[in-house]
Amino acid sequence: MNVSLTPELERLVNEKVESGLYQTASEVVREALRLLKERDQAREQLRADVQAGFDQLPRGEGRAYDRTSGRQLAEGIKARGRAARAKKS
Protein backbone atom coordinates (compact mmCIF):
# COMPACT_ATOMS: atom_id res chain seq x y z
CA MET A 1 0.00 0.00 0.00
CA ASN A 2 1.29 3.43 -0.88
CA VAL A 3 0.11 6.49 1.00
CA SER A 4 0.64 10.11 0.02
CA LEU A 5 1.13 12.58 2.85
CA THR A 6 1.13 16.33 2.83
CA PRO A 7 4.55 17.85 3.50
CA GLU A 8 3.36 18.83 6.98
CA LEU A 9 2.31 15.28 7.85
CA GLU A 10 5.49 13.85 6.39
CA ARG A 11 7.51 16.20 8.62
CA LEU A 12 5.49 15.05 11.63
CA VAL A 13 6.15 11.39 10.87
CA ASN A 14 9.85 12.08 10.38
CA GLU A 15 10.01 14.06 13.63
CA LYS A 16 8.47 11.13 15.51
CA VAL A 17 11.02 8.71 14.07
CA GLU A 18 13.90 11.13 14.72
CA SER A 19 12.75 11.57 18.32
CA GLY A 20 13.41 7.89 18.91
CA LEU A 21 9.84 7.16 19.98
CA TYR A 22 9.35 5.07 16.85
CA GLN A 23 11.79 3.01 14.82
CA THR A 24 10.10 3.50 11.44
CA ALA A 25 7.52 5.61 9.66
CA SER A 26 5.33 2.51 9.48
CA GLU A 27 5.22 2.33 13.28
CA VAL A 28 4.07 5.97 13.41
CA VAL A 29 1.32 5.31 10.89
CA ARG A 30 0.19 2.12 12.68
CA GLU A 31 -0.02 4.01 15.98
CA ALA A 32 -1.97 6.82 14.33
CA LEU A 33 -4.42 4.35 12.82
CA ARG A 34 -4.82 2.55 16.16
CA LEU A 35 -5.65 5.87 17.84
CA LEU A 36 -8.08 6.74 15.05
CA LYS A 37 -9.83 3.41 15.53
CA GLU A 38 -10.08 4.01 19.30
CA ARG A 39 -11.52 7.48 18.69
CA ASP A 40 -14.07 6.13 16.22
CA GLN A 41 -15.13 3.43 18.69
CA ALA A 42 -15.48 5.98 21.49
CA ARG A 43 -17.58 8.20 19.21
CA GLU A 44 -19.85 5.29 18.31
CA GLN A 45 -20.27 4.42 21.99
CA LEU A 46 -21.16 8.03 22.77
CA ARG A 47 -23.75 8.05 19.99
CA ALA A 48 -25.25 4.81 21.32
CA ASP A 49 -25.35 6.22 24.86
CA VAL A 50 -27.04 9.42 23.68
CA GLN A 51 -29.58 7.43 21.67
CA ALA A 52 -30.29 5.24 24.70
CA GLY A 53 -31.00 8.40 26.68
CA PHE A 54 -33.36 9.72 24.02
CA ASP A 55 -35.09 6.34 23.91
CA GLN A 56 -35.73 6.52 27.67
CA LEU A 57 -37.61 9.83 27.50
CA PRO A 58 -40.87 8.52 25.96
CA ARG A 59 -40.91 5.78 28.62
CA GLY A 60 -40.81 8.38 31.39
CA GLU A 61 -37.36 7.33 32.47
CA GLY A 62 -35.82 10.79 32.11
CA ARG A 63 -35.00 13.21 34.90
CA ALA A 64 -35.68 16.92 35.08
CA TYR A 65 -32.78 19.14 36.12
CA ASP A 66 -32.76 22.75 37.19
CA ARG A 67 -29.71 24.99 37.12
CA THR A 68 -28.37 23.79 40.47
CA SER A 69 -28.95 20.09 39.98
CA GLY A 70 -27.61 20.35 36.42
CA ARG A 71 -24.39 21.88 37.72
CA GLN A 72 -24.11 19.15 40.36
CA LEU A 73 -24.59 16.51 37.69
CA ALA A 74 -21.95 18.13 35.48
CA GLU A 75 -19.46 18.35 38.34
CA GLY A 76 -19.98 14.67 39.15
CA ILE A 77 -19.41 13.71 35.54
CA LYS A 78 -16.27 15.83 35.38
CA ALA A 79 -14.94 14.30 38.59
CA ARG A 80 -15.50 10.76 37.30
CA GLY A 81 -13.84 11.66 34.01
CA ARG A 82 -10.82 13.15 35.76
CA ALA A 83 -10.52 10.07 37.98
CA ALA A 84 -10.71 7.76 34.95
CA ARG A 85 -8.10 9.83 33.11
CA ALA A 86 -5.80 9.77 36.16
CA LYS A 87 -6.06 5.95 36.25
CA LYS A 88 -4.93 5.76 32.61
CA SER A 89 -1.85 7.91 33.27
PDB file of N, CA and C in Angstrom:
ATOM      1  N   MET A   1       0.849  -1.167   0.000  1.00  0.00           N
ATOM      2  CA  MET A   1       0.000   0.000   0.000  1.00  0.00           C
ATOM      3  C   MET A   1       0.899   1.235   0.000  1.00  0.00           C
ATOM      4  N   ASN A   2       0.577   2.158  -0.844  1.00  0.00           N
ATOM      5  CA  ASN A   2       1.287   3.435  -0.881  1.00  0.00           C
ATOM      6  C   ASN A   2       0.354   4.512  -0.366  1.00  0.00           C
ATOM      7  N   VAL A   3       0.896   5.408   0.432  1.00  0.00           N
ATOM      8  CA  VAL A   3       0.106   6.495   0.999  1.00  0.00           C
ATOM      9  C   VAL A   3       0.817   7.801   0.710  1.00  0.00           C
ATOM     10  N   SER A   4       0.072   8.788   0.255  1.00  0.00           N
ATOM     11  CA  SER A   4       0.637  10.109   0.023  1.00  0.00           C
ATOM     12  C   SER A   4       0.304  11.003   1.209  1.00  0.00           C
ATOM     13  N   LEU A   5       1.314  11.672   1.724  1.00  0.00           N
ATOM     14  CA  LEU A   5       1.131  12.576   2.850  1.00  0.00           C
ATOM     15  C   LEU A   5       1.427  14.000   2.409  1.00  0.00           C
ATOM     16  N   THR A   6       0.779  14.938   3.057  1.00  0.00           N
ATOM     17  CA  THR A   6       1.128  16.334   2.825  1.00  0.00           C
ATOM     18  C   THR A   6       2.531  16.551   3.393  1.00  0.00           C
ATOM     19  N   PRO A   7       3.211  17.574   2.940  1.00  0.00           N
ATOM     20  CA  PRO A   7       4.546  17.851   3.496  1.00  0.00           C
ATOM     21  C   PRO A   7       4.516  18.024   5.023  1.00  0.00           C
ATOM     22  N   GLU A   8       3.487  18.634   5.524  1.00  0.00           N
ATOM     23  CA  GLU A   8       3.364  18.834   6.978  1.00  0.00           C
ATOM     24  C   GLU A   8       3.268  17.498   7.718  1.00  0.00           C
ATOM     25  N   LEU A   9       2.438  16.584   7.213  1.00  0.00           N
ATOM     26  CA  LEU A   9       2.309  15.279   7.852  1.00  0.00           C
ATOM     27  C   LEU A   9       3.580  14.451   7.707  1.00  0.00           C
ATOM     28  N   GLU A  10       4.231  14.576   6.581  1.00  0.00           N
ATOM     29  CA  GLU A  10       5.488  13.853   6.390  1.00  0.00           C
ATOM     30  C   GLU A  10       6.538  14.332   7.390  1.00  0.00           C
ATOM     31  N   ARG A  11       6.584  15.659   7.617  1.00  0.00           N
ATOM     32  CA  ARG A  11       7.510  16.198   8.618  1.00  0.00           C
ATOM     33  C   ARG A  11       7.186  15.648  10.003  1.00  0.00           C
ATOM     34  N   LEU A  12       5.896  15.573  10.321  1.00  0.00           N
ATOM     35  CA  LEU A  12       5.485  15.054  11.627  1.00  0.00           C
ATOM     36  C   LEU A  12       5.943  13.611  11.808  1.00  0.00           C
ATOM     37  N   VAL A  13       5.721  12.798  10.801  1.00  0.00           N
ATOM     38  CA  VAL A  13       6.149  11.393  10.870  1.00  0.00           C
ATOM     39  C   VAL A  13       7.659  11.322  11.052  1.00  0.00           C
ATOM     40  N   ASN A  14       8.387  12.093  10.270  1.00  0.00           N
ATOM     41  CA  ASN A  14       9.849  12.080  10.376  1.00  0.00           C
ATOM     42  C   ASN A  14      10.319  12.554  11.743  1.00  0.00           C
ATOM     43  N   GLU A  15       9.659  13.566  12.296  1.00  0.00           N
ATOM     44  CA  GLU A  15      10.014  14.059  13.632  1.00  0.00           C
ATOM     45  C   GLU A  15       9.817  12.974  14.686  1.00  0.00           C
ATOM     46  N   LYS A  16       8.735  12.211  14.552  1.00  0.00           N
ATOM     47  CA  LYS A  16       8.471  11.133  15.511  1.00  0.00           C
ATOM     48  C   LYS A  16       9.547  10.056  15.437  1.00  0.00           C
ATOM     49  N   VAL A  17       9.961   9.715  14.232  1.00  0.00           N
ATOM     50  CA  VAL A  17      11.017   8.710  14.074  1.00  0.00           C
ATOM     51  C   VAL A  17      12.334   9.267  14.615  1.00  0.00           C
ATOM     52  N   GLU A  18      12.651  10.513  14.270  1.00  0.00           N
ATOM     53  CA  GLU A  18      13.900  11.125  14.723  1.00  0.00           C
ATOM     54  C   GLU A  18      13.949  11.281  16.239  1.00  0.00           C
ATOM     55  N   SER A  19      12.786  11.404  16.865  1.00  0.00           N
ATOM     56  CA  SER A  19      12.747  11.567  18.325  1.00  0.00           C
ATOM     57  C   SER A  19      13.140  10.276  19.044  1.00  0.00           C
ATOM     58  N   GLY A  20      13.086   9.168  18.311  1.00  0.00           N
ATOM     59  CA  GLY A  20      13.409   7.887  18.908  1.00  0.00           C
ATOM     60  C   GLY A  20      12.209   7.159  19.491  1.00  0.00           C
ATOM     61  N   LEU A  21      11.048   7.807  19.463  1.00  0.00           N
ATOM     62  CA  LEU A  21       9.844   7.157  19.982  1.00  0.00           C
ATOM     63  C   LEU A  21       9.400   6.008  19.087  1.00  0.00           C
ATOM     64  N   TYR A  22       9.721   6.089  17.820  1.00  0.00           N
ATOM     65  CA  TYR A  22       9.347   5.068  16.846  1.00  0.00           C
ATOM     66  C   TYR A  22      10.575   4.704  16.030  1.00  0.00           C
ATOM     67  N   GLN A  23      10.653   3.462  15.614  1.00  0.00           N
ATOM     68  CA  GLN A  23      11.788   3.008  14.815  1.00  0.00           C
ATOM     69  C   GLN A  23      11.615   3.335  13.337  1.00  0.00           C
ATOM     70  N   THR A  24      10.355   3.298  12.866  1.00  0.00           N
ATOM     71  CA  THR A  24      10.100   3.497  11.438  1.00  0.00           C
ATOM     72  C   THR A  24       8.854   4.344  11.236  1.00  0.00           C
ATOM     73  N   ALA A  25       8.718   4.859  10.025  1.00  0.00           N
ATOM     74  CA  ALA A  25       7.521   5.607   9.660  1.00  0.00           C
ATOM     75  C   ALA A  25       6.282   4.707   9.741  1.00  0.00           C
ATOM     76  N   SER A  26       6.457   3.443   9.415  1.00  0.00           N
ATOM     77  CA  SER A  26       5.330   2.510   9.481  1.00  0.00           C
ATOM     78  C   SER A  26       4.792   2.395  10.904  1.00  0.00           C
ATOM     79  N   GLU A  27       5.683   2.393  11.884  1.00  0.00           N
ATOM     80  CA  GLU A  27       5.225   2.334  13.279  1.00  0.00           C
ATOM     81  C   GLU A  27       4.392   3.568  13.631  1.00  0.00           C
ATOM     82  N   VAL A  28       4.815   4.726  13.154  1.00  0.00           N
ATOM     83  CA  VAL A  28       4.074   5.971  13.415  1.00  0.00           C
ATOM     84  C   VAL A  28       2.676   5.864  12.807  1.00  0.00           C
ATOM     85  N   VAL A  29       2.603   5.412  11.581  1.00  0.00           N
ATOM     86  CA  VAL A  29       1.316   5.305  10.889  1.00  0.00           C
ATOM     87  C   VAL A  29       0.427   4.269  11.576  1.00  0.00           C
ATOM     88  N   ARG A  30       0.995   3.130  11.983  1.00  0.00           N
ATOM     89  CA  ARG A  30       0.193   2.116  12.684  1.00  0.00           C
ATOM     90  C   ARG A  30      -0.378   2.678  13.987  1.00  0.00           C
ATOM     91  N   GLU A  31       0.444   3.410  14.729  1.00  0.00           N
ATOM     92  CA  GLU A  31      -0.024   4.011  15.979  1.00  0.00           C
ATOM     93  C   GLU A  31      -1.130   5.027  15.713  1.00  0.00           C
ATOM     94  N   ALA A  32      -0.950   5.829  14.679  1.00  0.00           N
ATOM     95  CA  ALA A  32      -1.967   6.818  14.329  1.00  0.00           C
ATOM     96  C   ALA A  32      -3.286   6.139  13.965  1.00  0.00           C
ATOM     97  N   LEU A  33      -3.206   5.065  13.210  1.00  0.00           N
ATOM     98  CA  LEU A  33      -4.423   4.345  12.818  1.00  0.00           C
ATOM     99  C   LEU A  33      -5.081   3.660  14.018  1.00  0.00           C
ATOM    100  N   ARG A  34      -4.269   3.154  14.942  1.00  0.00           N
ATOM    101  CA  ARG A  34      -4.822   2.549  16.158  1.00  0.00           C
ATOM    102  C   ARG A  34      -5.581   3.599  16.974  1.00  0.00           C
ATOM    103  N   LEU A  35      -4.990   4.791  17.099  1.00  0.00           N
ATOM    104  CA  LEU A  35      -5.651   5.867  17.841  1.00  0.00           C
ATOM    105  C   LEU A  35      -6.916   6.337  17.137  1.00  0.00           C
ATOM    106  N   LEU A  36      -6.889   6.374  15.821  1.00  0.00           N
ATOM    107  CA  LEU A  36      -8.077   6.744  15.047  1.00  0.00           C
ATOM    108  C   LEU A  36      -9.195   5.734  15.283  1.00  0.00           C
ATOM    109  N   LYS A  37      -8.840   4.466  15.287  1.00  0.00           N
ATOM    110  CA  LYS A  37      -9.831   3.409  15.528  1.00  0.00           C
ATOM    111  C   LYS A  37     -10.425   3.552  16.926  1.00  0.00           C
ATOM    112  N   GLU A  38      -9.585   3.812  17.933  1.00  0.00           N
ATOM    113  CA  GLU A  38     -10.083   4.014  19.301  1.00  0.00           C
ATOM    114  C   GLU A  38     -11.031   5.197  19.363  1.00  0.00           C
ATOM    115  N   ARG A  39     -10.665   6.292  18.691  1.00  0.00           N
ATOM    116  CA  ARG A  39     -11.516   7.483  18.691  1.00  0.00           C
ATOM    117  C   ARG A  39     -12.863   7.191  18.031  1.00  0.00           C
ATOM    118  N   ASP A  40     -12.823   6.478  16.919  1.00  0.00           N
ATOM    119  CA  ASP A  40     -14.068   6.131  16.223  1.00  0.00           C
ATOM    120  C   ASP A  40     -14.961   5.252  17.096  1.00  0.00           C
ATOM    121  N   GLN A  41     -14.351   4.300  17.800  1.00  0.00           N
ATOM    122  CA  GLN A  41     -15.129   3.427  18.691  1.00  0.00           C
ATOM    123  C   GLN A  41     -15.729   4.220  19.839  1.00  0.00           C
ATOM    124  N   ALA A  42     -14.966   5.150  20.393  1.00  0.00           N
ATOM    125  CA  ALA A  42     -15.477   5.982  21.490  1.00  0.00           C
ATOM    126  C   ALA A  42     -16.629   6.851  20.997  1.00  0.00           C
ATOM    127  N   ARG A  43     -16.516   7.372  19.781  1.00  0.00           N
ATOM    128  CA  ARG A  43     -17.583   8.203  19.210  1.00  0.00           C
ATOM    129  C   ARG A  43     -18.852   7.377  18.996  1.00  0.00           C
ATOM    130  N   GLU A  44     -18.692   6.168  18.509  1.00  0.00           N
ATOM    131  CA  GLU A  44     -19.853   5.290  18.307  1.00  0.00           C
ATOM    132  C   GLU A  44     -20.520   4.951  19.644  1.00  0.00           C
ATOM    133  N   GLN A  45     -19.711   4.704  20.676  1.00  0.00           N
ATOM    134  CA  GLN A  45     -20.272   4.416  21.992  1.00  0.00           C
ATOM    135  C   GLN A  45     -21.029   5.626  22.522  1.00  0.00           C
ATOM    136  N   LEU A  46     -20.484   6.807  22.334  1.00  0.00           N
ATOM    137  CA  LEU A  46     -21.164   8.027  22.768  1.00  0.00           C
ATOM    138  C   LEU A  46     -22.494   8.191  22.043  1.00  0.00           C
ATOM    139  N   ARG A  47     -22.491   7.952  20.746  1.00  0.00           N
ATOM    140  CA  ARG A  47     -23.751   8.051  19.987  1.00  0.00           C
ATOM    141  C   ARG A  47     -24.780   7.049  20.503  1.00  0.00           C
ATOM    142  N   ALA A  48     -24.339   5.829  20.795  1.00  0.00           N
ATOM    143  CA  ALA A  48     -25.250   4.809  21.318  1.00  0.00           C
ATOM    144  C   ALA A  48     -25.785   5.215  22.685  1.00  0.00           C
ATOM    145  N   ASP A  49     -24.915   5.785  23.528  1.00  0.00           N
ATOM    146  CA  ASP A  49     -25.353   6.224  24.857  1.00  0.00           C
ATOM    147  C   ASP A  49     -26.359   7.362  24.765  1.00  0.00           C
ATOM    148  N   VAL A  50     -26.109   8.304  23.866  1.00  0.00           N
ATOM    149  CA  VAL A  50     -27.043   9.420  23.682  1.00  0.00           C
ATOM    150  C   VAL A  50     -28.376   8.900  23.166  1.00  0.00           C
ATOM    151  N   GLN A  51     -28.332   7.997  22.201  1.00  0.00           N
ATOM    152  CA  GLN A  51     -29.579   7.433  21.673  1.00  0.00           C
ATOM    153  C   GLN A  51     -30.341   6.691  22.756  1.00  0.00           C
ATOM    154  N   ALA A  52     -29.631   5.943  23.602  1.00  0.00           N
ATOM    155  CA  ALA A  52     -30.292   5.235  24.702  1.00  0.00           C
ATOM    156  C   ALA A  52     -30.996   6.230  25.618  1.00  0.00           C
ATOM    157  N   GLY A  53     -30.371   7.367  25.860  1.00  0.00           N
ATOM    158  CA  GLY A  53     -31.000   8.400  26.684  1.00  0.00           C
ATOM    159  C   GLY A  53     -32.255   8.951  26.024  1.00  0.00           C
ATOM    160  N   PHE A  54     -32.181   9.230  24.732  1.00  0.00           N
ATOM    161  CA  PHE A  54     -33.359   9.717  24.018  1.00  0.00           C
ATOM    162  C   PHE A  54     -34.471   8.669  24.025  1.00  0.00           C
ATOM    163  N   ASP A  55     -34.092   7.409  23.909  1.00  0.00           N
ATOM    164  CA  ASP A  55     -35.086   6.337  23.909  1.00  0.00           C
ATOM    165  C   ASP A  55     -35.783   6.206  25.264  1.00  0.00           C
ATOM    166  N   GLN A  56     -35.142   6.607  26.332  1.00  0.00           N
ATOM    167  CA  GLN A  56     -35.731   6.517  27.669  1.00  0.00           C
ATOM    168  C   GLN A  56     -36.807   7.579  27.896  1.00  0.00           C
ATOM    169  N   LEU A  57     -36.689   8.714  27.236  1.00  0.00           N
ATOM    170  CA  LEU A  57     -37.614   9.826  27.498  1.00  0.00           C
ATOM    171  C   LEU A  57     -39.080   9.461  27.281  1.00  0.00           C
ATOM    172  N   PRO A  58     -39.455   8.845  26.159  1.00  0.00           N
ATOM    173  CA  PRO A  58     -40.865   8.516  25.961  1.00  0.00           C
ATOM    174  C   PRO A  58     -41.399   7.508  26.996  1.00  0.00           C
ATOM    175  N   ARG A  59     -40.497   6.762  27.617  1.00  0.00           N
ATOM    176  CA  ARG A  59     -40.910   5.780  28.623  1.00  0.00           C
ATOM    177  C   ARG A  59     -40.992   6.401  30.010  1.00  0.00           C
ATOM    178  N   GLY A  60     -40.747   7.701  30.098  1.00  0.00           N
ATOM    179  CA  GLY A  60     -40.813   8.380  31.386  1.00  0.00           C
ATOM    180  C   GLY A  60     -39.626   8.103  32.280  1.00  0.00           C
ATOM    181  N   GLU A  61     -38.528   7.667  31.682  1.00  0.00           N
ATOM    182  CA  GLU A  61     -37.355   7.327  32.468  1.00  0.00           C
ATOM    183  C   GLU A  61     -36.353   8.477  32.565  1.00  0.00           C
ATOM    184  N   GLY A  62     -36.719   9.642  32.059  1.00  0.00           N
ATOM    185  CA  GLY A  62     -35.823  10.795  32.106  1.00  0.00           C
ATOM    186  C   GLY A  62     -35.924  11.509  33.447  1.00  0.00           C
ATOM    187  N   ARG A  63     -35.012  12.402  33.681  1.00  0.00           N
ATOM    188  CA  ARG A  63     -35.004  13.210  34.898  1.00  0.00           C
ATOM    189  C   ARG A  63     -34.990  14.679  34.515  1.00  0.00           C
ATOM    190  N   ALA A  64     -35.689  15.471  35.285  1.00  0.00           N
ATOM    191  CA  ALA A  64     -35.682  16.920  35.076  1.00  0.00           C
ATOM    192  C   ALA A  64     -34.591  17.529  35.950  1.00  0.00           C
ATOM    193  N   TYR A  65     -33.843  18.459  35.380  1.00  0.00           N
ATOM    194  CA  TYR A  65     -32.783  19.135  36.120  1.00  0.00           C
ATOM    195  C   TYR A  65     -33.010  20.629  36.067  1.00  0.00           C
ATOM    196  N   ASP A  66     -32.760  21.293  37.196  1.00  0.00           N
ATOM    197  CA  ASP A  66     -32.755  22.748  37.192  1.00  0.00           C
ATOM    198  C   ASP A  66     -31.292  23.197  37.142  1.00  0.00           C
ATOM    199  N   ARG A  67     -31.069  24.470  37.239  1.00  0.00           N
ATOM    200  CA  ARG A  67     -29.712  24.992  37.115  1.00  0.00           C
ATOM    201  C   ARG A  67     -28.770  24.385  38.158  1.00  0.00           C
ATOM    202  N   THR A  68     -29.221  24.302  39.390  1.00  0.00           N
ATOM    203  CA  THR A  68     -28.373  23.788  40.472  1.00  0.00           C
ATOM    204  C   THR A  68     -28.110  22.300  40.317  1.00  0.00           C
ATOM    205  N   SER A  69     -29.156  21.532  40.102  1.00  0.00           N
ATOM    206  CA  SER A  69     -28.951  20.087  39.979  1.00  0.00           C
ATOM    207  C   SER A  69     -28.192  19.753  38.695  1.00  0.00           C
ATOM    208  N   GLY A  70     -28.368  20.546  37.663  1.00  0.00           N
ATOM    209  CA  GLY A  70     -27.608  20.351  36.419  1.00  0.00           C
ATOM    210  C   GLY A  70     -26.126  20.582  36.636  1.00  0.00           C
ATOM    211  N   ARG A  71     -25.800  21.621  37.393  1.00  0.00           N
ATOM    212  CA  ARG A  71     -24.386  21.878  37.720  1.00  0.00           C
ATOM    213  C   ARG A  71     -23.808  20.745  38.556  1.00  0.00           C
ATOM    214  N   GLN A  72     -24.580  20.260  39.517  1.00  0.00           N
ATOM    215  CA  GLN A  72     -24.106  19.154  40.356  1.00  0.00           C
ATOM    216  C   GLN A  72     -23.859  17.913  39.509  1.00  0.00           C
ATOM    217  N   LEU A  73     -24.767  17.644  38.593  1.00  0.00           N
ATOM    218  CA  LEU A  73     -24.589  16.506  37.691  1.00  0.00           C
ATOM    219  C   LEU A  73     -23.317  16.677  36.867  1.00  0.00           C
ATOM    220  N   ALA A  74     -23.129  17.865  36.304  1.00  0.00           N
ATOM    221  CA  ALA A  74     -21.952  18.126  35.475  1.00  0.00           C
ATOM    222  C   ALA A  74     -20.669  17.976  36.285  1.00  0.00           C
ATOM    223  N   GLU A  75     -20.654  18.476  37.504  1.00  0.00           N
ATOM    224  CA  GLU A  75     -19.455  18.354  38.337  1.00  0.00           C
ATOM    225  C   GLU A  75     -19.148  16.896  38.657  1.00  0.00           C
ATOM    226  N   GLY A  76     -20.183  16.100  38.902  1.00  0.00           N
ATOM    227  CA  GLY A  76     -19.979  14.675  39.154  1.00  0.00           C
ATOM    228  C   GLY A  76     -19.408  13.954  37.947  1.00  0.00           C
ATOM    229  N   ILE A  77     -19.915  14.307  36.778  1.00  0.00           N
ATOM    230  CA  ILE A  77     -19.414  13.705  35.542  1.00  0.00           C
ATOM    231  C   ILE A  77     -17.959  14.095  35.324  1.00  0.00           C
ATOM    232  N   LYS A  78     -17.648  15.368  35.532  1.00  0.00           N
ATOM    233  CA  LYS A  78     -16.266  15.827  35.375  1.00  0.00           C
ATOM    234  C   LYS A  78     -15.336  15.107  36.349  1.00  0.00           C
ATOM    235  N   ALA A  79     -15.779  14.963  37.585  1.00  0.00           N
ATOM    236  CA  ALA A  79     -14.945  14.300  38.593  1.00  0.00           C
ATOM    237  C   ALA A  79     -14.677  12.847  38.211  1.00  0.00           C
ATOM    238  N   ARG A  80     -15.702  12.153  37.721  1.00  0.00           N
ATOM    239  CA  ARG A  80     -15.502  10.761  37.298  1.00  0.00           C
ATOM    240  C   ARG A  80     -14.568  10.686  36.092  1.00  0.00           C
ATOM    241  N   GLY A  81     -14.715  11.624  35.180  1.00  0.00           N
ATOM    242  CA  GLY A  81     -13.840  11.655  34.008  1.00  0.00           C
ATOM    243  C   GLY A  81     -12.394  11.918  34.391  1.00  0.00           C
ATOM    244  N   ARG A  82     -12.188  12.862  35.313  1.00  0.00           N
ATOM    245  CA  ARG A  82     -10.818  13.150  35.760  1.00  0.00           C
ATOM    246  C   ARG A  82     -10.211  11.942  36.461  1.00  0.00           C
ATOM    247  N   ALA A  83     -11.008  11.269  37.274  1.00  0.00           N
ATOM    248  CA  ALA A  83     -10.515  10.074  37.981  1.00  0.00           C
ATOM    249  C   ALA A  83     -10.153   8.972  36.984  1.00  0.00           C
ATOM    250  N   ALA A  84     -10.989   8.789  35.968  1.00  0.00           N
ATOM    251  CA  ALA A  84     -10.713   7.760  34.955  1.00  0.00           C
ATOM    252  C   ALA A  84      -9.455   8.119  34.165  1.00  0.00           C
ATOM    253  N   ARG A  85      -9.293   9.395  33.842  1.00  0.00           N
ATOM    254  CA  ARG A  85      -8.100   9.825  33.110  1.00  0.00           C
ATOM    255  C   ARG A  85      -6.856   9.651  33.967  1.00  0.00           C
ATOM    256  N   ALA A  86      -6.953   9.920  35.264  1.00  0.00           N
ATOM    257  CA  ALA A  86      -5.803   9.767  36.158  1.00  0.00           C
ATOM    258  C   ALA A  86      -5.391   8.298  36.250  1.00  0.00           C
ATOM    259  N   LYS A  87      -6.368   7.389  36.209  1.00  0.00           N
ATOM    260  CA  LYS A  87      -6.062   5.952  36.246  1.00  0.00           C
ATOM    261  C   LYS A  87      -5.270   5.516  35.024  1.00  0.00           C
ATOM    262  N   LYS A  88      -5.595   6.120  33.857  1.00  0.00           N
ATOM    263  CA  LYS A  88      -4.926   5.759  32.607  1.00  0.00           C
ATOM    264  C   LYS A  88      -3.490   6.240  32.580  1.00  0.00           C
ATOM    265  N   SER A  89      -3.208   7.315  33.295  1.00  0.00           N
ATOM    266  CA  SER A  89      -1.852   7.906  33.266  1.00  0.00           C
ATOM    267  C   SER A  89      -0.863   7.154  34.088  1.00  0.00           C
TER     268      SER A  89
END
